[in-house]
Structures are given as C-alpha cells and as structure tokens.
C-alpha cells in the first residue's frame, strides 16, 4: 500500500473510479483502501500511544502526568521522568518498540516539515518582491531547522503522543491547538456531577 497526500489520493481515486472530485472521490479513495499521509501519521501515533499506555500500566507507571520521551544522539529513547529506569529499560529491552518510536517521531517531523513548506510556498507566492521572498526563505529555513532539532521528542500525555516538532511548527505558524479538557479532568468533573446529583 502506498500512502499519498489528500490531493494525490483524490486524483488517483478520480482516475480509478471515474469520479470527478468531492465526496464521491473521497468515498472511492476510502473504498480503494488509499490512506493519506495525515491519516497514516495519526494512526501510527495513536497505535504507539496505546502500546505505551499498556506497557506503562504493566510496569506500574502512572499515566496521569505527561511523560517526555526523547531520542538521544545514539538513537536510544531517554526520559527525565521519575520512572526513568523503568521506561528506558522498556525501550532497551524491546527494540521493536524503540524502532516504532523512531519511525513515528520521524513521520511527525516530516508532517511538520510538510506544513512549513506549504506555508513557505504560500508566503513566497504572495511576496511582492525579492526582498520579501528572501525574508520568507530565512524564516522558514530557521523554522524547519528548529523543527528538525525537535524531531526526536514526543510526549505521552493524556493517552496521546504529542510531537514537539509538530507543536513547534503549529505555534510558529500561529496555529495554537484548541484548549481541551484532559481525560482526567473529565473524569473528575463527572465525579463531581455524580456527587451533587
């Protein structure tokens, strides 16, 4: 199976199914089993998060605090968590888990770079002169380099993996994530409501 961007998926689905865009094209793509890059990154990130939650629970590591995980210069997963020894041993003893962490971190970094390149192209097209294009080039070069430096860092928080690279890119492009109540906050609120009723 080949993973394609949403635009490529729509074009291919249109060619395969004879559809000309819109919802029918997306349905054709879905029925053909074609997944976008975004979907693949999301699915693999969630699968890894689920695997980590299960492993942490088995090791007695609480999931109520965010756990920052980071690749070191040797490609080993490290953390500054109070459960550092258990977590680092988990990754050292399970090379497949460590490989999946590296792969998912890399995919998230590629997604961040894709977002930066798309924003750069839009800004470059909108530039009125060479100075504006050069300024855009400088800004996006710095953003992509910083994003790359953060590419090996992800945080397991509230049952989800957050990529430092993607979060940086979202913030640098002015796309702050919407505030959401955590699972723990929802549980506490539910308990309060049930006690008052």
N, C-alpha and C. Protein backbone atom coordinates (compact mmCIF):
# COMPACT_ATOMS: atom_id res chain seq x y z
N UNK A 1 0.84 -1.17 0.00
CA UNK A 1 0.00 0.00 0.00
C UNK A 1 0.89 1.23 0.00
N UNK A 2 0.52 2.22 -0.79
CA UNK A 2 1.26 3.47 -0.88
C UNK A 2 0.44 4.53 -0.18
N UNK A 3 1.08 5.35 0.64
CA UNK A 3 0.39 6.44 1.32
C UNK A 3 0.59 7.71 0.51
N UNK A 4 -0.50 8.40 0.26
CA UNK A 4 -0.47 9.58 -0.58
C UNK A 4 -1.05 10.77 0.15
N UNK A 5 -0.73 11.97 -0.35
CA UNK A 5 -1.33 13.18 0.20
C UNK A 5 -2.81 13.17 -0.16
N UNK A 6 -3.57 14.02 0.49
CA UNK A 6 -5.01 14.07 0.24
C UNK A 6 -5.29 14.44 -1.22
N UNK A 7 -4.53 15.38 -1.77
CA UNK A 7 -4.74 15.80 -3.16
C UNK A 7 -4.43 14.65 -4.12
N UNK A 8 -3.33 13.95 -3.89
CA UNK A 8 -2.96 12.83 -4.75
C UNK A 8 -3.98 11.71 -4.63
N UNK A 9 -4.46 11.49 -3.41
CA UNK A 9 -5.47 10.45 -3.18
C UNK A 9 -6.74 10.77 -3.97
N UNK A 10 -7.15 12.05 -3.96
CA UNK A 10 -8.35 12.44 -4.70
C UNK A 10 -8.15 12.25 -6.20
N UNK A 11 -6.99 12.64 -6.71
CA UNK A 11 -6.72 12.48 -8.14
C UNK A 11 -6.74 11.01 -8.52
N UNK A 12 -6.06 10.19 -7.74
CA UNK A 12 -5.99 8.76 -8.04
C UNK A 12 -7.37 8.13 -7.96
N UNK A 13 -8.12 8.49 -6.94
CA UNK A 13 -9.46 7.93 -6.78
C UNK A 13 -10.34 8.34 -7.96
N UNK A 14 -10.17 9.56 -8.43
CA UNK A 14 -10.92 10.02 -9.59
C UNK A 14 -10.57 9.22 -10.83
N UNK A 15 -9.30 8.92 -10.99
CA UNK A 15 -8.86 8.13 -12.14
C UNK A 15 -9.35 6.69 -12.04
N UNK A 16 -9.23 6.12 -10.85
CA UNK A 16 -9.61 4.73 -10.65
C UNK A 16 -11.12 4.55 -10.74
N UNK A 17 -11.85 5.43 -10.08
CA UNK A 17 -13.30 5.27 -10.00
C UNK A 17 -14.07 6.07 -11.03
N UNK A 18 -13.39 6.90 -11.81
CA UNK A 18 -14.08 7.71 -12.79
C UNK A 18 -14.83 8.88 -12.17
N UNK A 19 -14.65 9.13 -10.87
CA UNK A 19 -15.33 10.24 -10.21
C UNK A 19 -14.58 11.53 -10.48
N UNK A 20 -15.27 12.67 -10.30
CA UNK A 20 -14.64 13.96 -10.59
C UNK A 20 -14.57 14.84 -9.36
N UNK A 21 -14.12 14.34 -8.22
CA UNK A 21 -13.91 15.18 -7.04
C UNK A 21 -15.05 15.09 -6.05
N UNK A 22 -14.87 15.86 -4.97
CA UNK A 22 -15.90 15.93 -3.95
C UNK A 22 -16.00 14.69 -3.10
N UNK A 23 -17.15 14.54 -2.49
CA UNK A 23 -17.37 13.45 -1.55
C UNK A 23 -17.26 12.08 -2.21
N UNK A 24 -17.77 11.96 -3.43
CA UNK A 24 -17.73 10.67 -4.11
C UNK A 24 -16.28 10.22 -4.32
N UNK A 25 -15.40 11.17 -4.64
CA UNK A 25 -13.98 10.85 -4.82
C UNK A 25 -13.38 10.34 -3.52
N UNK A 26 -13.69 11.03 -2.43
CA UNK A 26 -13.17 10.60 -1.14
C UNK A 26 -13.71 9.23 -0.77
N UNK A 27 -14.97 8.96 -1.09
CA UNK A 27 -15.54 7.64 -0.81
C UNK A 27 -14.85 6.57 -1.65
N UNK A 28 -14.58 6.90 -2.91
CA UNK A 28 -13.88 5.96 -3.79
C UNK A 28 -12.49 5.68 -3.25
N UNK A 29 -11.80 6.74 -2.80
CA UNK A 29 -10.45 6.57 -2.24
C UNK A 29 -10.51 5.69 -1.00
N UNK A 30 -11.49 5.94 -0.15
CA UNK A 30 -11.61 5.15 1.07
C UNK A 30 -11.92 3.70 0.75
N UNK A 31 -12.81 3.48 -0.24
CA UNK A 31 -13.15 2.10 -0.59
C UNK A 31 -11.99 1.39 -1.27
N UNK A 32 -11.10 2.15 -1.91
CA UNK A 32 -9.92 1.55 -2.54
C UNK A 32 -8.81 1.29 -1.52
N UNK A 33 -9.01 1.71 -0.27
CA UNK A 33 -8.02 1.46 0.77
C UNK A 33 -6.85 2.42 0.72
N UNK A 34 -7.02 3.57 0.09
CA UNK A 34 -5.95 4.55 0.00
C UNK A 34 -6.04 5.47 1.20
N UNK A 35 -4.92 5.57 1.93
CA UNK A 35 -4.90 6.44 3.11
C UNK A 35 -3.98 7.62 2.84
N UNK A 36 -4.34 8.76 3.39
CA UNK A 36 -3.49 9.93 3.24
C UNK A 36 -2.31 9.83 4.21
N UNK A 37 -1.31 10.62 3.95
CA UNK A 37 -0.16 10.69 4.84
C UNK A 37 -0.62 11.13 6.24
N UNK A 38 -1.52 12.11 6.29
CA UNK A 38 -2.04 12.58 7.58
C UNK A 38 -2.69 11.45 8.37
N UNK A 39 -3.50 10.65 7.69
CA UNK A 39 -4.17 9.53 8.35
C UNK A 39 -3.16 8.51 8.86
N UNK A 40 -2.16 8.23 8.04
CA UNK A 40 -1.15 7.25 8.44
C UNK A 40 -0.39 7.73 9.68
N UNK A 41 0.00 9.01 9.69
CA UNK A 41 0.73 9.56 10.84
C UNK A 41 -0.15 9.50 12.08
N UNK A 42 -1.40 9.89 11.94
CA UNK A 42 -2.32 9.87 13.07
C UNK A 42 -2.53 8.45 13.59
N UNK A 43 -2.76 7.51 12.69
CA UNK A 43 -3.00 6.12 13.09
C UNK A 43 -1.78 5.51 13.79
N UNK A 44 -0.60 5.73 13.22
CA UNK A 44 0.61 5.15 13.82
C UNK A 44 0.93 5.81 15.15
N UNK A 45 0.69 7.12 15.26
CA UNK A 45 0.93 7.81 16.52
C UNK A 45 0.01 7.28 17.61
N UNK A 46 -1.27 7.09 17.27
CA UNK A 46 -2.22 6.59 18.26
C UNK A 46 -1.93 5.14 18.63
N UNK A 47 -1.54 4.33 17.66
CA UNK A 47 -1.20 2.93 17.94
C UNK A 47 -0.01 2.85 18.89
N UNK A 48 1.00 3.70 18.67
CA UNK A 48 2.15 3.72 19.57
C UNK A 48 1.75 4.23 20.95
N UNK A 49 0.91 5.25 21.00
CA UNK A 49 0.44 5.76 22.30
C UNK A 49 -0.29 4.66 23.07
N UNK A 50 -1.14 3.91 22.38
CA UNK A 50 -1.87 2.81 23.03
C UNK A 50 -0.91 1.74 23.54
N UNK A 51 0.09 1.44 22.74
CA UNK A 51 1.09 0.44 23.14
C UNK A 51 1.88 0.91 24.36
N UNK A 52 2.24 2.19 24.37
CA UNK A 52 2.98 2.74 25.52
C UNK A 52 2.10 2.78 26.77
N UNK A 53 0.84 3.16 26.62
CA UNK A 53 -0.07 3.17 27.78
C UNK A 53 -0.15 1.79 28.40
N UNK A 54 -0.30 0.79 27.58
CA UNK A 54 -0.39 -0.59 28.06
C UNK A 54 0.90 -1.01 28.77
N UNK A 55 2.03 -0.72 28.15
CA UNK A 55 3.33 -1.09 28.74
C UNK A 55 3.56 -0.35 30.05
N UNK A 56 3.24 0.94 30.08
CA UNK A 56 3.43 1.73 31.30
C UNK A 56 2.55 1.19 32.42
N UNK A 57 1.32 0.84 32.10
CA UNK A 57 0.40 0.31 33.11
C UNK A 57 0.94 -0.99 33.69
N UNK A 58 1.45 -1.88 32.82
CA UNK A 58 2.03 -3.15 33.29
C UNK A 58 3.23 -2.92 34.19
N UNK A 59 3.98 -1.84 33.95
CA UNK A 59 5.17 -1.54 34.76
C UNK A 59 4.83 -0.72 36.00
N UNK A 60 3.56 -0.37 36.17
CA UNK A 60 3.17 0.42 37.34
C UNK A 60 3.52 1.89 37.21
N UNK A 61 3.68 2.37 35.98
CA UNK A 61 3.99 3.78 35.75
C UNK A 61 2.67 4.52 35.56
N UNK A 62 2.39 5.49 36.42
CA UNK A 62 1.12 6.21 36.30
C UNK A 62 1.06 7.03 35.02
N UNK A 63 -0.15 7.15 34.49
CA UNK A 63 -0.35 7.88 33.24
C UNK A 63 -0.95 9.26 33.46
N UNK A 64 -1.03 9.70 34.72
CA UNK A 64 -1.69 10.97 34.99
C UNK A 64 -0.78 12.19 34.81
N UNK A 65 0.49 11.98 34.58
CA UNK A 65 1.43 13.07 34.32
C UNK A 65 2.03 12.89 32.93
N UNK A 66 2.26 13.98 32.20
CA UNK A 66 2.91 13.85 30.89
C UNK A 66 4.31 13.25 31.02
N UNK A 67 4.66 12.37 30.09
CA UNK A 67 5.98 11.75 30.08
C UNK A 67 6.68 12.12 28.79
N UNK A 68 7.74 12.91 28.92
CA UNK A 68 8.52 13.33 27.75
C UNK A 68 9.51 12.24 27.39
N UNK A 69 9.50 11.84 26.13
CA UNK A 69 10.40 10.81 25.61
C UNK A 69 11.23 11.45 24.50
N UNK A 70 12.53 11.13 24.49
CA UNK A 70 13.41 11.80 23.55
C UNK A 70 14.49 10.86 23.05
N UNK A 71 14.78 10.93 21.75
CA UNK A 71 15.88 10.15 21.19
C UNK A 71 17.19 10.87 21.48
N UNK A 72 18.18 10.12 21.98
CA UNK A 72 19.49 10.73 22.19
C UNK A 72 20.32 10.61 20.92
N UNK A 73 21.56 11.06 20.98
CA UNK A 73 22.43 11.05 19.79
C UNK A 73 22.74 9.64 19.29
N UNK A 74 22.54 8.63 20.12
CA UNK A 74 22.76 7.24 19.71
C UNK A 74 21.48 6.55 19.25
N UNK A 75 20.37 7.30 19.25
CA UNK A 75 19.10 6.73 18.82
C UNK A 75 18.36 5.96 19.89
N UNK A 76 18.78 6.12 21.15
CA UNK A 76 18.11 5.45 22.26
C UNK A 76 17.06 6.38 22.85
N UNK A 77 15.95 5.80 23.29
CA UNK A 77 14.88 6.60 23.89
C UNK A 77 15.22 6.88 25.34
N UNK A 78 15.23 8.16 25.69
CA UNK A 78 15.55 8.61 27.05
C UNK A 78 14.39 9.43 27.59
N UNK A 79 14.37 9.60 28.90
CA UNK A 79 13.33 10.40 29.54
C UNK A 79 13.89 11.02 30.81
N UNK A 80 13.23 12.06 31.28
CA UNK A 80 13.60 12.66 32.56
C UNK A 80 12.51 12.39 33.61
N UNK A 81 11.67 11.42 33.32
CA UNK A 81 10.57 11.03 34.21
C UNK A 81 11.11 10.46 35.52
N UNK A 82 10.32 10.55 36.59
CA UNK A 82 10.71 9.88 37.83
C UNK A 82 10.83 8.36 37.65
N UNK A 83 10.25 7.84 36.58
CA UNK A 83 10.31 6.41 36.28
C UNK A 83 11.32 6.12 35.17
N UNK A 84 12.34 6.94 35.12
CA UNK A 84 13.38 6.90 34.09
C UNK A 84 13.93 5.49 33.86
N UNK A 85 14.33 4.82 34.92
CA UNK A 85 14.95 3.49 34.77
C UNK A 85 13.99 2.50 34.12
N UNK A 86 12.75 2.47 34.59
CA UNK A 86 11.77 1.53 34.04
C UNK A 86 11.48 1.83 32.56
N UNK A 87 11.31 3.10 32.25
CA UNK A 87 10.96 3.49 30.88
C UNK A 87 12.11 3.22 29.92
N UNK A 88 13.31 3.61 30.31
CA UNK A 88 14.46 3.39 29.44
C UNK A 88 14.76 1.90 29.27
N UNK A 89 14.53 1.12 30.32
CA UNK A 89 14.70 -0.33 30.22
C UNK A 89 13.65 -0.93 29.28
N UNK A 90 12.43 -0.42 29.36
CA UNK A 90 11.37 -0.89 28.46
C UNK A 90 11.81 -0.76 27.00
N UNK A 91 12.33 0.39 26.63
CA UNK A 91 12.76 0.61 25.25
C UNK A 91 14.02 -0.18 24.92
N UNK A 92 14.93 -0.30 25.87
CA UNK A 92 16.16 -1.06 25.63
C UNK A 92 15.86 -2.55 25.43
N UNK A 93 14.88 -3.06 26.18
CA UNK A 93 14.53 -4.49 26.10
C UNK A 93 13.61 -4.83 24.92
N UNK A 94 13.01 -3.82 24.32
CA UNK A 94 12.07 -4.05 23.22
C UNK A 94 12.50 -3.22 22.00
N UNK A 95 13.43 -3.75 21.20
CA UNK A 95 13.93 -2.99 20.05
C UNK A 95 12.83 -2.61 19.05
N UNK A 96 11.79 -3.43 18.95
CA UNK A 96 10.69 -3.10 18.03
C UNK A 96 9.94 -1.86 18.51
N UNK A 97 9.75 -1.74 19.82
CA UNK A 97 9.09 -0.56 20.38
C UNK A 97 9.95 0.68 20.15
N UNK A 98 11.25 0.55 20.37
CA UNK A 98 12.17 1.67 20.14
C UNK A 98 12.16 2.08 18.66
N UNK A 99 12.14 1.09 17.77
CA UNK A 99 12.11 1.38 16.33
C UNK A 99 10.82 2.09 15.96
N UNK A 100 9.71 1.63 16.52
CA UNK A 100 8.43 2.27 16.22
C UNK A 100 8.42 3.71 16.73
N UNK A 101 9.02 3.95 17.90
CA UNK A 101 9.11 5.32 18.42
C UNK A 101 9.89 6.19 17.43
N UNK A 102 11.03 5.69 16.96
CA UNK A 102 11.85 6.46 16.00
C UNK A 102 11.07 6.73 14.72
N UNK A 103 10.37 5.71 14.23
CA UNK A 103 9.60 5.86 13.00
C UNK A 103 8.48 6.89 13.16
N UNK A 104 7.73 6.79 14.24
CA UNK A 104 6.62 7.71 14.47
C UNK A 104 7.14 9.13 14.69
N UNK A 105 8.23 9.27 15.41
CA UNK A 105 8.83 10.60 15.60
C UNK A 105 9.25 11.18 14.25
N UNK A 106 9.84 10.34 13.41
CA UNK A 106 10.25 10.79 12.08
C UNK A 106 9.07 11.18 11.20
N UNK A 107 7.99 10.41 11.26
CA UNK A 107 6.79 10.73 10.48
C UNK A 107 6.19 12.06 10.93
N UNK A 108 6.15 12.28 12.24
CA UNK A 108 5.63 13.54 12.75
C UNK A 108 6.52 14.71 12.34
N UNK A 109 7.83 14.51 12.31
CA UNK A 109 8.75 15.56 11.86
C UNK A 109 8.53 15.85 10.37
N UNK A 110 8.29 14.80 9.58
CA UNK A 110 8.00 15.01 8.16
C UNK A 110 6.70 15.79 7.98
N UNK A 111 5.72 15.51 8.82
CA UNK A 111 4.44 16.23 8.75
C UNK A 111 4.66 17.71 9.09
N UNK A 112 5.50 17.97 10.08
CA UNK A 112 5.80 19.36 10.44
C UNK A 112 6.52 20.06 9.29
N UNK A 113 7.48 19.38 8.67
CA UNK A 113 8.20 19.96 7.54
C UNK A 113 7.26 20.22 6.37
N UNK A 114 6.35 19.30 6.13
CA UNK A 114 5.37 19.48 5.05
C UNK A 114 4.55 20.74 5.29
N UNK A 115 4.11 20.91 6.53
CA UNK A 115 3.31 22.08 6.87
C UNK A 115 4.11 23.36 6.66
N UNK A 116 5.39 23.34 7.06
CA UNK A 116 6.24 24.51 6.88
C UNK A 116 6.45 24.82 5.40
N UNK A 117 6.68 23.80 4.61
CA UNK A 117 6.91 24.01 3.17
C UNK A 117 5.65 24.55 2.48
N UNK A 118 4.49 24.05 2.88
CA UNK A 118 3.25 24.57 2.31
C UNK A 118 3.05 26.04 2.67
N UNK A 119 3.33 26.39 3.93
CA UNK A 119 3.20 27.79 4.36
C UNK A 119 4.24 28.67 3.65
N UNK A 120 5.45 28.14 3.47
CA UNK A 120 6.50 28.89 2.77
C UNK A 120 6.09 29.16 1.33
N UNK A 121 5.57 28.15 0.66
CA UNK A 121 5.14 28.33 -0.74
C UNK A 121 4.06 29.39 -0.84
N UNK A 122 3.10 29.37 0.07
CA UNK A 122 2.03 30.37 0.06
C UNK A 122 2.59 31.77 0.29
N UNK A 123 3.51 31.89 1.24
CA UNK A 123 4.10 33.20 1.53
C UNK A 123 4.98 33.67 0.38
N UNK A 124 5.70 32.75 -0.22
CA UNK A 124 6.58 33.10 -1.35
C UNK A 124 5.74 33.59 -2.54
N UNK A 125 4.63 32.92 -2.81
CA UNK A 125 3.75 33.34 -3.90
C UNK A 125 3.14 34.71 -3.64
N UNK A 126 2.87 35.00 -2.36
CA UNK A 126 2.25 36.27 -2.00
C UNK A 126 3.26 37.41 -1.93
N UNK A 127 4.55 37.09 -1.92
CA UNK A 127 5.59 38.12 -1.79
C UNK A 127 5.57 39.04 -3.01
N UNK A 128 5.77 40.32 -2.74
CA UNK A 128 5.71 41.33 -3.80
C UNK A 128 7.05 41.54 -4.50
N UNK A 129 8.15 41.18 -3.81
CA UNK A 129 9.47 41.41 -4.41
C UNK A 129 10.48 40.40 -3.88
N UNK A 130 11.70 40.48 -4.37
CA UNK A 130 12.75 39.54 -3.97
C UNK A 130 13.09 39.64 -2.49
N UNK A 131 13.05 40.85 -1.94
CA UNK A 131 13.35 41.01 -0.50
C UNK A 131 12.33 40.25 0.35
N UNK A 132 11.07 40.32 -0.01
CA UNK A 132 10.03 39.61 0.74
C UNK A 132 10.21 38.10 0.59
N UNK A 133 10.57 37.65 -0.61
CA UNK A 133 10.81 36.22 -0.81
C UNK A 133 12.02 35.75 -0.02
N UNK A 134 13.09 36.56 0.00
CA UNK A 134 14.28 36.21 0.78
C UNK A 134 13.97 36.15 2.27
N UNK A 135 13.15 37.09 2.75
CA UNK A 135 12.78 37.10 4.17
C UNK A 135 11.97 35.84 4.51
N UNK A 136 11.07 35.45 3.62
CA UNK A 136 10.28 34.23 3.84
C UNK A 136 11.20 33.02 3.87
N UNK A 137 12.15 32.98 2.94
CA UNK A 137 13.09 31.87 2.90
C UNK A 137 13.86 31.76 4.22
N UNK A 138 14.34 32.88 4.74
CA UNK A 138 15.07 32.88 6.01
C UNK A 138 14.22 32.40 7.17
N UNK A 139 12.98 32.89 7.23
CA UNK A 139 12.08 32.49 8.32
C UNK A 139 11.81 30.99 8.29
N UNK A 140 11.48 30.48 7.12
CA UNK A 140 11.11 29.07 7.03
C UNK A 140 12.31 28.14 7.14
N UNK A 141 13.46 28.60 6.72
CA UNK A 141 14.67 27.79 6.92
C UNK A 141 14.92 27.61 8.41
N UNK A 142 14.82 28.70 9.17
CA UNK A 142 15.03 28.63 10.62
C UNK A 142 13.96 27.75 11.27
N UNK A 143 12.73 27.88 10.83
CA UNK A 143 11.65 27.07 11.40
C UNK A 143 11.86 25.58 11.14
N UNK A 144 12.23 25.25 9.93
CA UNK A 144 12.44 23.83 9.60
C UNK A 144 13.63 23.27 10.37
N UNK A 145 14.69 24.06 10.52
CA UNK A 145 15.86 23.58 11.27
C UNK A 145 15.50 23.35 12.74
N UNK A 146 14.75 24.26 13.34
CA UNK A 146 14.33 24.09 14.73
C UNK A 146 13.42 22.88 14.85
N UNK A 147 12.50 22.74 13.91
CA UNK A 147 11.60 21.59 13.92
C UNK A 147 12.39 20.29 13.83
N UNK A 148 13.42 20.27 12.99
CA UNK A 148 14.26 19.08 12.85
C UNK A 148 14.99 18.77 14.16
N UNK A 149 15.46 19.80 14.85
CA UNK A 149 16.12 19.60 16.15
C UNK A 149 15.18 18.96 17.16
N UNK A 150 13.90 19.25 17.05
CA UNK A 150 12.89 18.73 17.99
C UNK A 150 12.29 17.40 17.53
N UNK A 151 12.73 16.90 16.39
CA UNK A 151 12.06 15.76 15.75
C UNK A 151 12.07 14.48 16.58
N UNK A 152 13.02 14.29 17.45
CA UNK A 152 13.08 13.06 18.24
C UNK A 152 12.40 13.15 19.58
N UNK A 153 11.62 14.20 19.81
CA UNK A 153 10.98 14.40 21.10
C UNK A 153 9.46 14.30 20.97
N UNK A 154 8.88 13.40 21.77
CA UNK A 154 7.43 13.28 21.84
C UNK A 154 7.04 13.12 23.30
N UNK A 155 5.83 13.53 23.62
CA UNK A 155 5.33 13.44 24.98
C UNK A 155 4.05 12.62 25.01
N UNK A 156 4.03 11.62 25.89
CA UNK A 156 2.82 10.84 26.12
C UNK A 156 2.02 11.60 27.17
N UNK A 157 0.88 12.13 26.76
CA UNK A 157 0.10 12.98 27.64
C UNK A 157 -1.38 12.70 27.42
N UNK A 158 -2.05 12.29 28.46
CA UNK A 158 -3.48 12.07 28.42
C UNK A 158 -3.86 11.05 27.34
N UNK A 159 -3.02 10.01 27.21
CA UNK A 159 -3.32 8.94 26.28
C UNK A 159 -2.95 9.20 24.83
N UNK A 160 -2.31 10.34 24.56
CA UNK A 160 -1.93 10.68 23.20
C UNK A 160 -0.46 11.06 23.15
N UNK A 161 0.14 10.83 21.99
CA UNK A 161 1.52 11.27 21.77
C UNK A 161 1.49 12.63 21.10
N UNK A 162 2.22 13.57 21.69
CA UNK A 162 2.36 14.90 21.10
C UNK A 162 3.79 15.04 20.59
N UNK A 163 3.94 15.45 19.36
CA UNK A 163 5.25 15.65 18.75
C UNK A 163 5.71 17.07 19.01
N UNK A 164 6.90 17.22 19.57
CA UNK A 164 7.46 18.56 19.82
C UNK A 164 7.67 19.29 18.50
N UNK A 165 8.06 18.57 17.48
CA UNK A 165 8.30 19.16 16.16
C UNK A 165 7.01 19.75 15.59
N UNK A 166 5.94 18.99 15.65
CA UNK A 166 4.66 19.47 15.12
C UNK A 166 4.09 20.60 15.96
N UNK A 167 4.22 20.49 17.29
CA UNK A 167 3.72 21.56 18.15
C UNK A 167 4.47 22.87 17.89
N UNK A 168 5.79 22.77 17.71
CA UNK A 168 6.58 23.96 17.40
C UNK A 168 6.09 24.59 16.09
N UNK A 169 5.91 23.76 15.08
CA UNK A 169 5.51 24.29 13.77
C UNK A 169 4.13 24.92 13.85
N UNK A 170 3.20 24.28 14.55
CA UNK A 170 1.86 24.84 14.70
C UNK A 170 1.93 26.21 15.36
N UNK A 171 2.70 26.31 16.42
CA UNK A 171 2.82 27.59 17.14
C UNK A 171 3.51 28.65 16.28
N UNK A 172 4.56 28.25 15.57
CA UNK A 172 5.30 29.24 14.78
C UNK A 172 4.47 29.74 13.60
N UNK A 173 3.49 28.96 13.17
CA UNK A 173 2.61 29.39 12.09
C UNK A 173 1.32 30.01 12.62
N UNK A 174 1.26 30.19 13.95
CA UNK A 174 0.09 30.82 14.55
C UNK A 174 -1.11 29.92 14.69
N UNK A 175 -0.88 28.62 14.70
CA UNK A 175 -1.98 27.66 14.81
C UNK A 175 -1.93 26.98 16.17
N UNK A 176 -2.25 27.71 17.21
CA UNK A 176 -2.25 27.12 18.55
C UNK A 176 -3.40 26.12 18.63
N UNK A 177 -3.13 24.95 19.22
CA UNK A 177 -4.21 23.96 19.34
C UNK A 177 -5.32 24.47 20.26
N UNK A 178 -6.53 24.06 19.95
CA UNK A 178 -7.67 24.45 20.78
C UNK A 178 -7.54 23.80 22.16
N UNK A 179 -7.93 24.55 23.17
CA UNK A 179 -7.88 24.02 24.53
C UNK A 179 -8.89 22.90 24.67
N UNK A 180 -8.44 21.82 25.29
CA UNK A 180 -9.32 20.67 25.51
C UNK A 180 -9.16 20.20 26.94
N UNK A 181 -10.26 19.74 27.50
CA UNK A 181 -10.18 19.16 28.84
C UNK A 181 -9.50 17.81 28.74
N UNK A 182 -8.65 17.51 29.68
CA UNK A 182 -7.97 16.22 29.67
C UNK A 182 -8.95 15.13 30.10
N UNK A 183 -8.58 13.91 29.82
CA UNK A 183 -9.41 12.77 30.24
C UNK A 183 -9.56 12.78 31.75
N UNK A 184 -8.47 13.07 32.45
CA UNK A 184 -8.52 13.10 33.91
C UNK A 184 -9.47 14.20 34.39
N UNK A 185 -9.40 15.38 33.77
CA UNK A 185 -10.29 16.47 34.15
C UNK A 185 -11.75 16.10 33.90
N UNK A 186 -12.01 15.43 32.79
CA UNK A 186 -13.38 14.99 32.51
C UNK A 186 -13.87 13.99 33.55
N UNK A 187 -12.98 13.09 33.98
CA UNK A 187 -13.36 12.10 34.99
C UNK A 187 -13.67 12.79 36.32
N UNK A 188 -12.84 13.75 36.71
CA UNK A 188 -13.06 14.47 37.97
C UNK A 188 -14.36 15.24 37.90
N UNK A 189 -14.61 15.91 36.77
CA UNK A 189 -15.85 16.66 36.61
C UNK A 189 -17.05 15.72 36.68
N UNK A 190 -16.94 14.56 36.06
CA UNK A 190 -18.02 13.57 36.11
C UNK A 190 -18.29 13.10 37.52
N UNK A 191 -17.21 12.93 38.32
CA UNK A 191 -17.37 12.51 39.71
C UNK A 191 -18.07 13.60 40.51
N UNK A 192 -17.70 14.86 40.26
CA UNK A 192 -18.33 15.97 40.98
C UNK A 192 -19.81 16.05 40.65
N UNK A 193 -20.14 15.89 39.39
CA UNK A 193 -21.54 15.95 38.97
C UNK A 193 -22.33 14.82 39.60
N UNK A 194 -21.76 13.61 39.63
CA UNK A 194 -22.49 12.47 40.19
C UNK A 194 -22.66 12.63 41.70
N UNK A 195 -21.74 13.31 42.36
CA UNK A 195 -21.86 13.51 43.81
C UNK A 195 -22.91 14.54 44.14
N UNK A 196 -23.09 15.54 43.27
CA UNK A 196 -24.05 16.60 43.56
C UNK A 196 -25.47 16.24 43.16
N UNK A 197 -25.62 15.25 42.31
CA UNK A 197 -26.96 14.88 41.83
C UNK A 197 -27.66 14.01 42.82
